[in-house]
Amino acid sequence: MRIVVQEWERVLVYRDGRFQRTLGPGRHRVTARRHRFAWTSLRPRLLTVPVQEVLTRDGLAVKVSLLATVRVADARAWHEAVDQPDAFLYAALQTALREEIASRTLEELLADRSEAAQRMLAVVAPAVVHAGLAVDALAVRDVVVPAEVRRASAAVVTARAEGQAALERARAEVAATRALANAAKMVETHPGLLQLRTLQAVEAGGATVVLSAEPGAATARAPA
């Protein structure tokens, strides 16, 4: 019989139950009698670990899901090493997810999901090599926190923003007070500065100049 193997496929040939050889891409002529063939796809595929509810290190229940990019690296090992290799991989991902989340606080998890995914990948990838699988990428897909935690976080963010705004207002008031104090000291040290400032106001226009009987007592004020 003739067998055509695609570029992304491998075919395992067994004779009387014993492995004989692996057929690569191309056309092959094989005797069908006493032979069995196992077809394996090497193309990457996505494996989703659905939402898992796990307790973080600080005792908060969060729901997390994973998305893994997986491919068959060794067709023979994938076919022979374990029964249901996808189930084996799923269990390894689920275990790594629970252990990683349990070792982190909620704030740490939300701050950097990619680091958590890389740590899980470092644990899962070596664990599934003997099953003929390779995990090329791993991502934390969703992190769902309880509603009360979301409300508390929003309240904390609001309080921080209000505190920052109050601090900036206080800083502005202090700066204005210092500027006035410095101006008063300069006028006290150099009285002529007040007259120069009055002349500037007159030249700029839009101000009313009031002159008193005492020399040097002219002041400028803006119109109402």
N, C-alpha and C. Protein backbone atom coordinates (compact mmCIF):
# COMPACT_ATOMS: atom_id res chain seq x y z
N MET A 1 0.84 -1.20 0.00
CA MET A 1 0.00 0.00 0.00
C MET A 1 0.88 1.25 0.00
N ARG A 2 0.30 2.33 -0.50
CA ARG A 2 1.02 3.60 -0.52
C ARG A 2 0.48 4.53 0.58
N ILE A 3 1.40 5.20 1.25
CA ILE A 3 1.04 6.15 2.31
C ILE A 3 1.70 7.49 2.00
N VAL A 4 0.90 8.55 2.00
CA VAL A 4 1.42 9.91 1.78
C VAL A 4 1.38 10.64 3.12
N VAL A 5 2.54 11.07 3.56
CA VAL A 5 2.67 11.76 4.85
C VAL A 5 2.90 13.25 4.58
N GLN A 6 2.08 14.09 5.21
CA GLN A 6 2.20 15.53 5.03
C GLN A 6 3.40 16.06 5.84
N GLU A 7 3.76 17.31 5.53
CA GLU A 7 4.93 17.91 6.18
C GLU A 7 4.77 17.99 7.70
N TRP A 8 3.56 18.21 8.16
CA TRP A 8 3.31 18.39 9.60
C TRP A 8 2.93 17.07 10.30
N GLU A 9 3.11 15.96 9.63
CA GLU A 9 2.72 14.67 10.19
C GLU A 9 3.91 13.72 10.32
N ARG A 10 3.71 12.74 11.20
CA ARG A 10 4.61 11.61 11.29
C ARG A 10 3.73 10.36 11.44
N VAL A 11 4.20 9.27 10.83
CA VAL A 11 3.45 8.02 10.91
C VAL A 11 4.35 6.96 11.54
N LEU A 12 3.87 6.37 12.62
CA LEU A 12 4.60 5.29 13.29
C LEU A 12 4.16 3.96 12.69
N VAL A 13 5.13 3.14 12.36
CA VAL A 13 4.84 1.84 11.75
C VAL A 13 5.16 0.74 12.77
N TYR A 14 4.16 -0.10 13.06
CA TYR A 14 4.33 -1.22 13.99
C TYR A 14 4.11 -2.53 13.22
N ARG A 15 4.97 -3.48 13.45
CA ARG A 15 4.83 -4.81 12.84
C ARG A 15 4.67 -5.83 13.96
N ASP A 16 3.55 -6.48 13.94
CA ASP A 16 3.23 -7.48 14.97
C ASP A 16 3.33 -6.87 16.38
N GLY A 17 2.91 -5.61 16.51
CA GLY A 17 2.90 -4.96 17.81
C GLY A 17 4.22 -4.34 18.22
N ARG A 18 5.25 -4.48 17.42
CA ARG A 18 6.55 -3.90 17.75
C ARG A 18 6.84 -2.70 16.83
N PHE A 19 7.42 -1.65 17.45
CA PHE A 19 7.75 -0.47 16.66
C PHE A 19 8.81 -0.82 15.63
N GLN A 20 8.59 -0.39 14.39
CA GLN A 20 9.54 -0.68 13.32
C GLN A 20 10.26 0.58 12.85
N ARG A 21 9.50 1.63 12.51
CA ARG A 21 10.12 2.86 12.02
C ARG A 21 9.10 3.99 12.00
N THR A 22 9.64 5.21 11.77
CA THR A 22 8.79 6.40 11.65
C THR A 22 8.87 6.92 10.23
N LEU A 23 7.71 7.13 9.64
CA LEU A 23 7.66 7.66 8.27
C LEU A 23 7.58 9.19 8.32
N GLY A 24 8.49 9.84 7.59
CA GLY A 24 8.49 11.28 7.51
C GLY A 24 7.67 11.77 6.34
N PRO A 25 7.73 13.08 6.03
CA PRO A 25 6.94 13.63 4.92
C PRO A 25 7.32 12.97 3.58
N GLY A 26 6.29 12.74 2.76
CA GLY A 26 6.52 12.15 1.45
C GLY A 26 5.62 10.95 1.19
N ARG A 27 5.90 10.26 0.07
CA ARG A 27 5.12 9.07 -0.30
C ARG A 27 5.93 7.82 0.02
N HIS A 28 5.25 6.87 0.65
CA HIS A 28 5.92 5.64 1.09
C HIS A 28 5.10 4.44 0.62
N ARG A 29 5.80 3.37 0.33
CA ARG A 29 5.16 2.10 -0.01
C ARG A 29 5.44 1.12 1.14
N VAL A 30 4.38 0.67 1.77
CA VAL A 30 4.49 -0.21 2.93
C VAL A 30 3.54 -1.39 2.74
N THR A 31 3.99 -2.57 3.15
CA THR A 31 3.13 -3.75 3.10
C THR A 31 2.11 -3.66 4.24
N ALA A 32 0.85 -3.73 3.90
CA ALA A 32 -0.19 -3.59 4.92
C ALA A 32 -0.31 -4.81 5.81
N ARG A 33 0.06 -5.97 5.30
CA ARG A 33 -0.10 -7.20 6.06
C ARG A 33 0.79 -7.19 7.30
N ARG A 34 0.16 -7.44 8.45
CA ARG A 34 0.84 -7.54 9.75
C ARG A 34 1.41 -6.20 10.22
N HIS A 35 1.01 -5.10 9.60
CA HIS A 35 1.46 -3.78 10.02
C HIS A 35 0.29 -2.94 10.56
N ARG A 36 0.63 -2.09 11.48
CA ARG A 36 -0.34 -1.11 12.00
C ARG A 36 0.31 0.26 11.96
N PHE A 37 -0.50 1.28 11.66
CA PHE A 37 0.05 2.63 11.49
C PHE A 37 -0.62 3.59 12.47
N ALA A 38 0.20 4.46 13.07
CA ALA A 38 -0.31 5.48 14.00
C ALA A 38 0.08 6.86 13.47
N TRP A 39 -0.94 7.67 13.16
CA TRP A 39 -0.71 8.99 12.59
C TRP A 39 -0.64 10.03 13.72
N THR A 40 0.35 10.92 13.62
CA THR A 40 0.53 11.94 14.65
C THR A 40 0.76 13.30 13.99
N SER A 41 0.03 14.32 14.45
CA SER A 41 0.21 15.69 13.95
C SER A 41 1.19 16.44 14.84
N LEU A 42 2.13 17.14 14.20
CA LEU A 42 3.15 17.90 14.93
C LEU A 42 2.81 19.39 15.02
N ARG A 43 1.69 19.80 14.48
CA ARG A 43 1.36 21.23 14.46
C ARG A 43 1.02 21.73 15.87
N PRO A 44 1.45 22.96 16.21
CA PRO A 44 1.10 23.52 17.52
C PRO A 44 -0.41 23.67 17.67
N ARG A 45 -0.90 23.53 18.87
CA ARG A 45 -2.32 23.69 19.16
C ARG A 45 -2.48 24.35 20.51
N LEU A 46 -3.65 24.89 20.72
CA LEU A 46 -3.94 25.59 21.97
C LEU A 46 -4.69 24.67 22.92
N LEU A 47 -4.25 24.69 24.17
CA LEU A 47 -4.92 23.93 25.22
C LEU A 47 -5.33 24.93 26.31
N THR A 48 -6.61 24.95 26.60
CA THR A 48 -7.14 25.88 27.59
C THR A 48 -7.44 25.15 28.89
N VAL A 49 -6.91 25.68 29.97
CA VAL A 49 -7.28 25.20 31.30
C VAL A 49 -8.37 26.14 31.80
N PRO A 50 -9.61 25.68 31.90
CA PRO A 50 -10.70 26.58 32.28
C PRO A 50 -10.53 27.14 33.68
N VAL A 51 -11.41 28.05 34.03
CA VAL A 51 -11.30 28.79 35.29
C VAL A 51 -11.19 27.84 36.48
N GLN A 52 -10.16 28.07 37.28
CA GLN A 52 -9.94 27.32 38.51
C GLN A 52 -10.01 28.30 39.69
N GLU A 53 -10.73 27.95 40.72
CA GLU A 53 -10.80 28.80 41.91
C GLU A 53 -9.72 28.36 42.89
N VAL A 54 -8.80 29.29 43.18
CA VAL A 54 -7.63 28.98 43.99
C VAL A 54 -7.46 30.05 45.06
N LEU A 55 -6.95 29.65 46.22
CA LEU A 55 -6.67 30.61 47.29
C LEU A 55 -5.26 31.16 47.13
N THR A 56 -5.13 32.47 47.21
CA THR A 56 -3.81 33.09 47.16
C THR A 56 -3.13 32.97 48.52
N ARG A 57 -1.90 33.42 48.57
CA ARG A 57 -1.14 33.32 49.83
C ARG A 57 -1.77 34.14 50.94
N ASP A 58 -2.45 35.24 50.60
CA ASP A 58 -3.10 36.05 51.60
C ASP A 58 -4.55 35.64 51.83
N GLY A 59 -4.93 34.45 51.38
CA GLY A 59 -6.23 33.88 51.74
C GLY A 59 -7.40 34.36 50.93
N LEU A 60 -7.19 34.94 49.76
CA LEU A 60 -8.29 35.42 48.93
C LEU A 60 -8.56 34.42 47.80
N ALA A 61 -9.82 34.14 47.55
CA ALA A 61 -10.20 33.20 46.50
C ALA A 61 -10.28 33.93 45.17
N VAL A 62 -9.48 33.50 44.20
CA VAL A 62 -9.50 34.07 42.87
C VAL A 62 -9.75 32.97 41.85
N LYS A 63 -10.29 33.36 40.71
CA LYS A 63 -10.55 32.41 39.63
C LYS A 63 -9.58 32.73 38.49
N VAL A 64 -8.79 31.72 38.11
CA VAL A 64 -7.73 31.92 37.12
C VAL A 64 -7.85 30.86 36.04
N SER A 65 -7.60 31.25 34.80
CA SER A 65 -7.56 30.30 33.68
C SER A 65 -6.25 30.45 32.93
N LEU A 66 -5.83 29.38 32.24
CA LEU A 66 -4.57 29.35 31.52
C LEU A 66 -4.79 29.05 30.04
N LEU A 67 -3.85 29.51 29.23
CA LEU A 67 -3.84 29.19 27.80
C LEU A 67 -2.43 28.74 27.45
N ALA A 68 -2.31 27.50 26.97
CA ALA A 68 -1.00 26.92 26.67
C ALA A 68 -0.88 26.61 25.18
N THR A 69 0.29 26.89 24.61
CA THR A 69 0.60 26.50 23.24
C THR A 69 1.43 25.22 23.29
N VAL A 70 0.88 24.14 22.74
CA VAL A 70 1.47 22.81 22.91
C VAL A 70 1.70 22.18 21.54
N ARG A 71 2.73 21.35 21.44
CA ARG A 71 2.98 20.59 20.21
C ARG A 71 3.61 19.25 20.57
N VAL A 72 3.52 18.31 19.65
CA VAL A 72 4.16 17.00 19.83
C VAL A 72 5.61 17.12 19.38
N ALA A 73 6.54 16.91 20.29
CA ALA A 73 7.96 16.98 19.97
C ALA A 73 8.54 15.62 19.60
N ASP A 74 7.99 14.56 20.15
CA ASP A 74 8.46 13.20 19.87
C ASP A 74 7.23 12.33 19.63
N ALA A 75 7.00 11.99 18.37
CA ALA A 75 5.78 11.25 18.02
C ALA A 75 5.70 9.90 18.70
N ARG A 76 6.81 9.20 18.77
CA ARG A 76 6.78 7.87 19.39
C ARG A 76 6.52 7.96 20.88
N ALA A 77 7.20 8.89 21.57
CA ALA A 77 6.97 9.03 23.01
C ALA A 77 5.54 9.46 23.28
N TRP A 78 5.01 10.35 22.46
CA TRP A 78 3.62 10.80 22.64
C TRP A 78 2.64 9.64 22.50
N HIS A 79 2.95 8.72 21.61
CA HIS A 79 2.04 7.60 21.35
C HIS A 79 2.22 6.47 22.37
N GLU A 80 3.43 6.30 22.89
CA GLU A 80 3.71 5.12 23.71
C GLU A 80 3.90 5.40 25.21
N ALA A 81 4.41 6.60 25.57
CA ALA A 81 4.87 6.80 26.95
C ALA A 81 3.73 6.78 27.96
N VAL A 82 2.66 7.50 27.68
CA VAL A 82 1.56 7.59 28.65
C VAL A 82 0.23 7.41 27.93
N ASP A 83 -0.76 6.97 28.68
CA ASP A 83 -2.10 6.87 28.14
C ASP A 83 -2.78 8.24 28.26
N GLN A 84 -3.41 8.72 27.21
CA GLN A 84 -4.06 10.03 27.16
C GLN A 84 -3.08 11.15 27.55
N PRO A 85 -2.10 11.43 26.70
CA PRO A 85 -1.09 12.45 27.03
C PRO A 85 -1.69 13.84 27.27
N ASP A 86 -2.77 14.18 26.58
CA ASP A 86 -3.38 15.49 26.81
C ASP A 86 -3.92 15.61 28.24
N ALA A 87 -4.51 14.53 28.74
CA ALA A 87 -5.00 14.54 30.12
C ALA A 87 -3.83 14.66 31.10
N PHE A 88 -2.73 14.02 30.76
CA PHE A 88 -1.53 14.12 31.60
C PHE A 88 -1.03 15.56 31.64
N LEU A 89 -0.98 16.21 30.46
CA LEU A 89 -0.55 17.60 30.40
C LEU A 89 -1.51 18.51 31.15
N TYR A 90 -2.80 18.28 30.99
CA TYR A 90 -3.80 19.10 31.68
C TYR A 90 -3.62 19.02 33.19
N ALA A 91 -3.38 17.82 33.70
CA ALA A 91 -3.17 17.66 35.14
C ALA A 91 -1.92 18.39 35.60
N ALA A 92 -0.85 18.34 34.79
CA ALA A 92 0.38 19.04 35.15
C ALA A 92 0.17 20.55 35.18
N LEU A 93 -0.58 21.08 34.20
CA LEU A 93 -0.88 22.52 34.17
C LEU A 93 -1.73 22.93 35.36
N GLN A 94 -2.73 22.13 35.68
CA GLN A 94 -3.61 22.45 36.79
C GLN A 94 -2.86 22.46 38.11
N THR A 95 -1.98 21.49 38.30
CA THR A 95 -1.19 21.42 39.54
C THR A 95 -0.25 22.62 39.64
N ALA A 96 0.44 22.94 38.53
CA ALA A 96 1.36 24.08 38.54
C ALA A 96 0.61 25.38 38.82
N LEU A 97 -0.59 25.52 38.26
CA LEU A 97 -1.39 26.72 38.48
C LEU A 97 -1.74 26.89 39.95
N ARG A 98 -2.20 25.83 40.57
CA ARG A 98 -2.60 25.92 41.98
C ARG A 98 -1.41 26.22 42.89
N GLU A 99 -0.28 25.60 42.60
CA GLU A 99 0.90 25.83 43.44
C GLU A 99 1.43 27.26 43.27
N GLU A 100 1.40 27.77 42.04
CA GLU A 100 1.91 29.12 41.79
C GLU A 100 1.01 30.18 42.43
N ILE A 101 -0.30 30.04 42.28
CA ILE A 101 -1.22 31.02 42.86
C ILE A 101 -1.15 31.00 44.38
N ALA A 102 -1.02 29.79 44.94
CA ALA A 102 -0.95 29.68 46.40
C ALA A 102 0.31 30.30 46.98
N SER A 103 1.34 30.50 46.15
CA SER A 103 2.60 31.07 46.63
C SER A 103 2.66 32.59 46.47
N ARG A 104 1.59 33.19 45.94
CA ARG A 104 1.59 34.63 45.67
C ARG A 104 0.41 35.31 46.34
N THR A 105 0.62 36.59 46.67
CA THR A 105 -0.50 37.40 47.12
C THR A 105 -1.27 37.89 45.90
N LEU A 106 -2.49 38.37 46.13
CA LEU A 106 -3.30 38.87 45.03
C LEU A 106 -2.62 40.06 44.35
N GLU A 107 -2.02 40.93 45.14
CA GLU A 107 -1.36 42.11 44.57
C GLU A 107 -0.19 41.70 43.68
N GLU A 108 0.58 40.70 44.11
CA GLU A 108 1.71 40.23 43.31
C GLU A 108 1.21 39.60 42.01
N LEU A 109 0.14 38.85 42.08
CA LEU A 109 -0.40 38.19 40.89
C LEU A 109 -0.89 39.21 39.87
N LEU A 110 -1.62 40.22 40.33
CA LEU A 110 -2.16 41.23 39.42
C LEU A 110 -1.06 42.14 38.87
N ALA A 111 0.02 42.31 39.65
CA ALA A 111 1.09 43.21 39.23
C ALA A 111 1.85 42.66 38.03
N ASP A 112 2.05 41.35 37.98
CA ASP A 112 2.84 40.77 36.89
C ASP A 112 2.37 39.35 36.58
N ARG A 113 1.42 39.23 35.67
CA ARG A 113 0.93 37.91 35.29
C ARG A 113 1.98 37.14 34.49
N SER A 114 2.76 37.85 33.69
CA SER A 114 3.73 37.18 32.83
C SER A 114 4.78 36.44 33.64
N GLU A 115 5.19 37.00 34.77
CA GLU A 115 6.18 36.32 35.61
C GLU A 115 5.61 35.03 36.17
N ALA A 116 4.34 35.07 36.60
CA ALA A 116 3.70 33.86 37.11
C ALA A 116 3.61 32.80 36.02
N ALA A 117 3.30 33.21 34.79
CA ALA A 117 3.20 32.27 33.68
C ALA A 117 4.56 31.65 33.37
N GLN A 118 5.62 32.44 33.41
CA GLN A 118 6.95 31.91 33.14
C GLN A 118 7.39 30.92 34.21
N ARG A 119 7.04 31.18 35.44
CA ARG A 119 7.38 30.25 36.52
C ARG A 119 6.64 28.93 36.34
N MET A 120 5.37 28.99 35.96
CA MET A 120 4.62 27.76 35.71
C MET A 120 5.16 27.00 34.51
N LEU A 121 5.56 27.75 33.47
CA LEU A 121 6.13 27.10 32.28
C LEU A 121 7.41 26.35 32.63
N ALA A 122 8.23 26.95 33.50
CA ALA A 122 9.48 26.30 33.90
C ALA A 122 9.23 25.01 34.66
N VAL A 123 8.07 24.89 35.30
CA VAL A 123 7.73 23.67 36.03
C VAL A 123 7.10 22.63 35.11
N VAL A 124 6.19 23.08 34.23
CA VAL A 124 5.41 22.15 33.41
C VAL A 124 6.24 21.57 32.27
N ALA A 125 7.04 22.40 31.58
CA ALA A 125 7.76 21.95 30.39
C ALA A 125 8.63 20.71 30.65
N PRO A 126 9.47 20.70 31.70
CA PRO A 126 10.27 19.49 31.93
C PRO A 126 9.42 18.28 32.34
N ALA A 127 8.26 18.53 32.95
CA ALA A 127 7.44 17.43 33.46
C ALA A 127 6.76 16.64 32.35
N VAL A 128 6.61 17.24 31.16
CA VAL A 128 5.88 16.56 30.08
C VAL A 128 6.80 16.14 28.93
N VAL A 129 8.11 16.34 29.08
CA VAL A 129 9.03 15.97 28.01
C VAL A 129 8.98 14.47 27.75
N HIS A 130 8.92 13.67 28.82
CA HIS A 130 8.94 12.21 28.64
C HIS A 130 7.66 11.71 27.94
N ALA A 131 6.61 12.56 27.91
CA ALA A 131 5.38 12.20 27.20
C ALA A 131 5.41 12.64 25.74
N GLY A 132 6.55 13.16 25.29
CA GLY A 132 6.69 13.58 23.90
C GLY A 132 6.10 14.93 23.60
N LEU A 133 5.76 15.71 24.62
CA LEU A 133 5.11 17.00 24.44
C LEU A 133 6.07 18.14 24.73
N ALA A 134 5.86 19.26 24.05
CA ALA A 134 6.61 20.48 24.31
C ALA A 134 5.61 21.62 24.51
N VAL A 135 5.79 22.37 25.60
CA VAL A 135 4.95 23.53 25.88
C VAL A 135 5.75 24.76 25.49
N ASP A 136 5.36 25.40 24.39
CA ASP A 136 6.11 26.54 23.86
C ASP A 136 5.78 27.85 24.56
N ALA A 137 4.55 28.01 25.00
CA ALA A 137 4.15 29.27 25.65
C ALA A 137 3.02 28.99 26.62
N LEU A 138 2.98 29.83 27.63
CA LEU A 138 1.94 29.70 28.66
C LEU A 138 1.54 31.10 29.10
N ALA A 139 0.25 31.35 29.18
CA ALA A 139 -0.24 32.68 29.54
C ALA A 139 -1.38 32.56 30.54
N VAL A 140 -1.40 33.48 31.50
CA VAL A 140 -2.54 33.59 32.42
C VAL A 140 -3.63 34.34 31.69
N ARG A 141 -4.70 33.65 31.37
CA ARG A 141 -5.73 34.23 30.51
C ARG A 141 -6.66 35.17 31.27
N ASP A 142 -7.20 34.72 32.38
CA ASP A 142 -8.15 35.53 33.17
C ASP A 142 -7.80 35.43 34.64
N VAL A 143 -7.98 36.55 35.33
CA VAL A 143 -7.89 36.58 36.79
C VAL A 143 -9.12 37.31 37.29
N VAL A 144 -10.03 36.56 37.91
CA VAL A 144 -11.29 37.13 38.39
C VAL A 144 -11.24 37.17 39.91
N VAL A 145 -11.34 38.38 40.46
CA VAL A 145 -11.31 38.54 41.92
C VAL A 145 -12.73 38.75 42.43
N PRO A 146 -12.99 38.45 43.70
CA PRO A 146 -14.35 38.63 44.25
C PRO A 146 -14.81 40.09 44.17
N ALA A 147 -16.13 40.28 44.10
CA ALA A 147 -16.69 41.63 43.96
C ALA A 147 -16.30 42.52 45.13
N GLU A 148 -16.30 41.97 46.36
CA GLU A 148 -15.97 42.81 47.51
C GLU A 148 -14.52 43.27 47.46
N VAL A 149 -13.64 42.44 46.90
CA VAL A 149 -12.23 42.85 46.76
C VAL A 149 -12.10 43.95 45.72
N ARG A 150 -12.87 43.84 44.62
CA ARG A 150 -12.84 44.90 43.61
C ARG A 150 -13.32 46.22 44.18
N ARG A 151 -14.40 46.18 44.99
CA ARG A 151 -14.89 47.42 45.59
C ARG A 151 -13.86 48.00 46.55
N ALA A 152 -13.23 47.14 47.35
CA ALA A 152 -12.22 47.62 48.29
C ALA A 152 -11.03 48.23 47.55
N SER A 153 -10.62 47.59 46.45
CA SER A 153 -9.50 48.12 45.67
C SER A 153 -9.84 49.47 45.07
N ALA A 154 -11.07 49.61 44.57
CA ALA A 154 -11.50 50.90 44.01
C ALA A 154 -11.50 51.98 45.07
N ALA A 155 -11.92 51.63 46.30
CA ALA A 155 -11.93 52.60 47.39
C ALA A 155 -10.51 53.03 47.75
N VAL A 156 -9.57 52.06 47.73
CA VAL A 156 -8.18 52.38 48.04
C VAL A 156 -7.60 53.32 46.99
N VAL A 157 -7.87 53.03 45.72
CA VAL A 157 -7.36 53.88 44.64
C VAL A 157 -7.93 55.30 44.75
N THR A 158 -9.23 55.40 45.05
CA THR A 158 -9.86 56.71 45.20
C THR A 158 -9.25 57.49 46.36
N ALA A 159 -9.04 56.80 47.48
CA ALA A 159 -8.45 57.45 48.64
C ALA A 159 -7.03 57.94 48.34
N ARG A 160 -6.27 57.12 47.61
CA ARG A 160 -4.91 57.54 47.25
C ARG A 160 -4.93 58.77 46.35
N ALA A 161 -5.86 58.80 45.39
CA ALA A 161 -5.95 59.95 44.49
C ALA A 161 -6.36 61.21 45.24
N GLU A 162 -7.32 61.08 46.16
CA GLU A 162 -7.74 62.24 46.94
C GLU A 162 -6.61 62.73 47.84
N GLY A 163 -5.88 61.80 48.45
CA GLY A 163 -4.75 62.20 49.29
C GLY A 163 -3.67 62.90 48.49
N GLN A 164 -3.39 62.40 47.29
CA GLN A 164 -2.39 63.04 46.43
C GLN A 164 -2.83 64.44 46.03
N ALA A 165 -4.12 64.61 45.72
CA ALA A 165 -4.62 65.93 45.35
C ALA A 165 -4.52 66.91 46.52
N ALA A 166 -4.87 66.43 47.72
CA ALA A 166 -4.76 67.29 48.91
C ALA A 166 -3.31 67.68 49.17
N LEU A 167 -2.39 66.73 48.96
CA LEU A 167 -0.98 67.03 49.16
C LEU A 167 -0.49 68.08 48.17
N GLU A 168 -0.92 67.97 46.91
CA GLU A 168 -0.50 68.94 45.92
C GLU A 168 -1.05 70.33 46.24
N ARG A 169 -2.32 70.39 46.72
CA ARG A 169 -2.88 71.70 47.11
C ARG A 169 -2.09 72.31 48.26
N ALA A 170 -1.74 71.48 49.24
CA ALA A 170 -0.97 71.98 50.38
C ALA A 170 0.40 72.49 49.93
N ARG A 171 1.03 71.77 49.01
CA ARG A 171 2.33 72.21 48.50
C ARG A 171 2.21 73.54 47.77
N ALA A 172 1.14 73.71 46.99
CA ALA A 172 0.94 74.96 46.27
C ALA A 172 0.73 76.13 47.23
N GLU A 173 -0.05 75.88 48.30
CA GLU A 173 -0.29 76.94 49.29
C GLU A 173 1.00 77.33 50.01
N VAL A 174 1.82 76.32 50.34
CA VAL A 174 3.09 76.62 51.01
C VAL A 174 4.00 77.42 50.09
N ALA A 175 4.04 77.03 48.80
CA ALA A 175 4.88 77.76 47.85
C ALA A 175 4.42 79.20 47.69
N ALA A 176 3.09 79.43 47.64
CA ALA A 176 2.57 80.78 47.52
C ALA A 176 2.91 81.62 48.75
N THR A 177 2.78 81.01 49.93
CA THR A 177 3.10 81.72 51.17
C THR A 177 4.57 82.11 51.22
N ARG A 178 5.43 81.17 50.81
CA ARG A 178 6.87 81.48 50.79
C ARG A 178 7.17 82.61 49.81
N ALA A 179 6.50 82.61 48.66
CA ALA A 179 6.73 83.67 47.68
C ALA A 179 6.31 85.03 48.24
N LEU A 180 5.17 85.06 48.93
CA LEU A 180 4.74 86.32 49.53
C LEU A 180 5.71 86.79 50.62
N ALA A 181 6.18 85.85 51.42
CA ALA A 181 7.12 86.21 52.49
C ALA A 181 8.42 86.75 51.90
N ASN A 182 8.91 86.12 50.84
CA ASN A 182 10.14 86.61 50.20
C ASN A 182 9.92 88.00 49.58
N ALA A 183 8.74 88.21 48.99
CA ALA A 183 8.45 89.52 48.41
C ALA A 183 8.40 90.59 49.49
N ALA A 184 7.80 90.27 50.63
CA ALA A 184 7.72 91.24 51.73
C ALA A 184 9.10 91.61 52.24
N LYS A 185 9.99 90.59 52.34
CA LYS A 185 11.35 90.87 52.81
C LYS A 185 12.10 91.76 51.81
N MET A 186 11.92 91.51 50.52
CA MET A 186 12.59 92.31 49.51
C MET A 186 12.10 93.75 49.54
N VAL A 187 10.78 93.95 49.69
CA VAL A 187 10.24 95.32 49.75
C VAL A 187 10.75 96.02 50.99
N GLU A 188 10.81 95.27 52.10
CA GLU A 188 11.29 95.89 53.34
C GLU A 188 12.75 96.29 53.22
N THR A 189 13.56 95.47 52.53
CA THR A 189 14.98 95.76 52.38
C THR A 189 15.22 96.84 51.32
N HIS A 190 14.41 96.78 50.25
CA HIS A 190 14.58 97.73 49.15
C HIS A 190 13.23 98.40 48.87
N PRO A 191 12.91 99.49 49.57
CA PRO A 191 11.60 100.16 49.41
C PRO A 191 11.36 100.63 47.98
N GLY A 192 12.42 100.92 47.24
CA GLY A 192 12.24 101.40 45.89
C GLY A 192 11.59 100.39 44.96
N LEU A 193 11.64 99.12 45.33
CA LEU A 193 11.02 98.09 44.50
C LEU A 193 9.52 98.29 44.38
N LEU A 194 8.90 98.80 45.46
CA LEU A 194 7.45 99.00 45.42
C LEU A 194 7.09 100.09 44.41
N GLN A 195 7.90 101.15 44.35
CA GLN A 195 7.64 102.20 43.36
C GLN A 195 7.84 101.68 41.93
N LEU A 196 8.88 100.87 41.74
CA LEU A 196 9.09 100.29 40.41
C LEU A 196 7.93 99.39 40.01
N ARG A 197 7.40 98.64 40.96
CA ARG A 197 6.28 97.76 40.65
C ARG A 197 5.05 98.58 40.29
N THR A 198 4.88 99.74 40.95
CA THR A 198 3.76 100.62 40.64
C THR A 198 3.86 101.17 39.23
N LEU A 199 5.09 101.58 38.84
CA LEU A 199 5.29 102.08 37.49
C LEU A 199 5.03 101.00 36.44
N GLN A 200 5.40 99.77 36.76
CA GLN A 200 5.12 98.67 35.84
C GLN A 200 3.62 98.47 35.64
N ALA A 201 2.87 98.58 36.74
CA ALA A 201 1.42 98.43 36.65
C ALA A 201 0.80 99.53 35.81
N VAL A 202 1.35 100.76 35.94
CA VAL A 202 0.83 101.88 35.15
C VAL A 202 1.12 101.65 33.68
N GLU A 203 2.34 101.22 33.36
CA GLU A 203 2.70 101.01 31.97
C GLU A 203 1.90 99.87 31.34
N ALA A 204 1.60 98.85 32.14
CA ALA A 204 0.85 97.71 31.61
C ALA A 204 -0.59 98.08 31.31
N GLY A 205 -1.14 99.08 32.00
CA GLY A 205 -2.52 99.49 31.80
C GLY A 205 -3.49 98.56 32.50
N GLY A 206 -4.77 98.94 32.52
CA GLY A 206 -5.79 98.12 33.16
C GLY A 206 -5.75 98.20 34.66
N ALA A 207 -5.06 99.20 35.26
CA ALA A 207 -4.99 99.33 36.71
C ALA A 207 -5.30 100.77 37.08
N THR A 208 -5.81 100.94 38.27
CA THR A 208 -6.11 102.28 38.80
C THR A 208 -5.03 102.65 39.80
N VAL A 209 -4.38 103.81 39.60
CA VAL A 209 -3.31 104.25 40.48
C VAL A 209 -3.88 105.29 41.44
N VAL A 210 -3.69 105.08 42.72
CA VAL A 210 -4.16 106.00 43.76
C VAL A 210 -2.95 106.63 44.40
N LEU A 211 -2.86 107.97 44.37
CA LEU A 211 -1.75 108.69 44.96
C LEU A 211 -2.21 109.36 46.25
N SER A 212 -1.43 109.17 47.31
CA SER A 212 -1.75 109.81 48.60
C SER A 212 -0.88 111.05 48.75
N ALA A 213 -1.13 111.77 49.84
CA ALA A 213 -0.38 113.00 50.07
C ALA A 213 1.06 112.70 50.42
N GLU A 214 1.34 111.57 51.01
CA GLU A 214 2.70 111.26 51.41
C GLU A 214 3.49 110.81 50.18
N PRO A 215 4.71 111.32 50.06
CA PRO A 215 5.51 110.93 48.92
C PRO A 215 5.84 109.44 48.97
N GLY A 216 5.89 108.85 47.78
CA GLY A 216 6.26 107.45 47.71
C GLY A 216 5.19 106.51 48.16
N ALA A 217 3.95 107.02 48.36
CA ALA A 217 2.88 106.15 48.87
C ALA A 217 1.91 105.76 47.78
N ALA A 218 2.28 105.93 46.52
CA ALA A 218 1.37 105.56 45.40
C ALA A 218 1.23 104.05 45.33
N THR A 219 0.04 103.62 45.09
CA THR A 219 -0.23 102.18 44.95
C THR A 219 -1.06 101.96 43.71
N ALA A 220 -1.05 100.71 43.22
CA ALA A 220 -1.85 100.37 42.04
C ALA A 220 -2.79 99.26 42.40
N ARG A 221 -3.97 99.39 41.90
CA ARG A 221 -4.94 98.31 42.17
C ARG A 221 -5.71 98.03 40.88
N ALA A 222 -6.11 96.79 40.75
CA ALA A 222 -6.86 96.41 39.55
C ALA A 222 -8.28 96.90 39.67
N PRO A 223 -8.89 97.27 38.52
CA PRO A 223 -10.29 97.74 38.58
C PRO A 223 -11.22 96.61 38.97
N ALA A 224 -12.31 96.96 39.63
CA ALA A 224 -13.29 95.94 40.06
C ALA A 224 -14.01 95.43 38.84
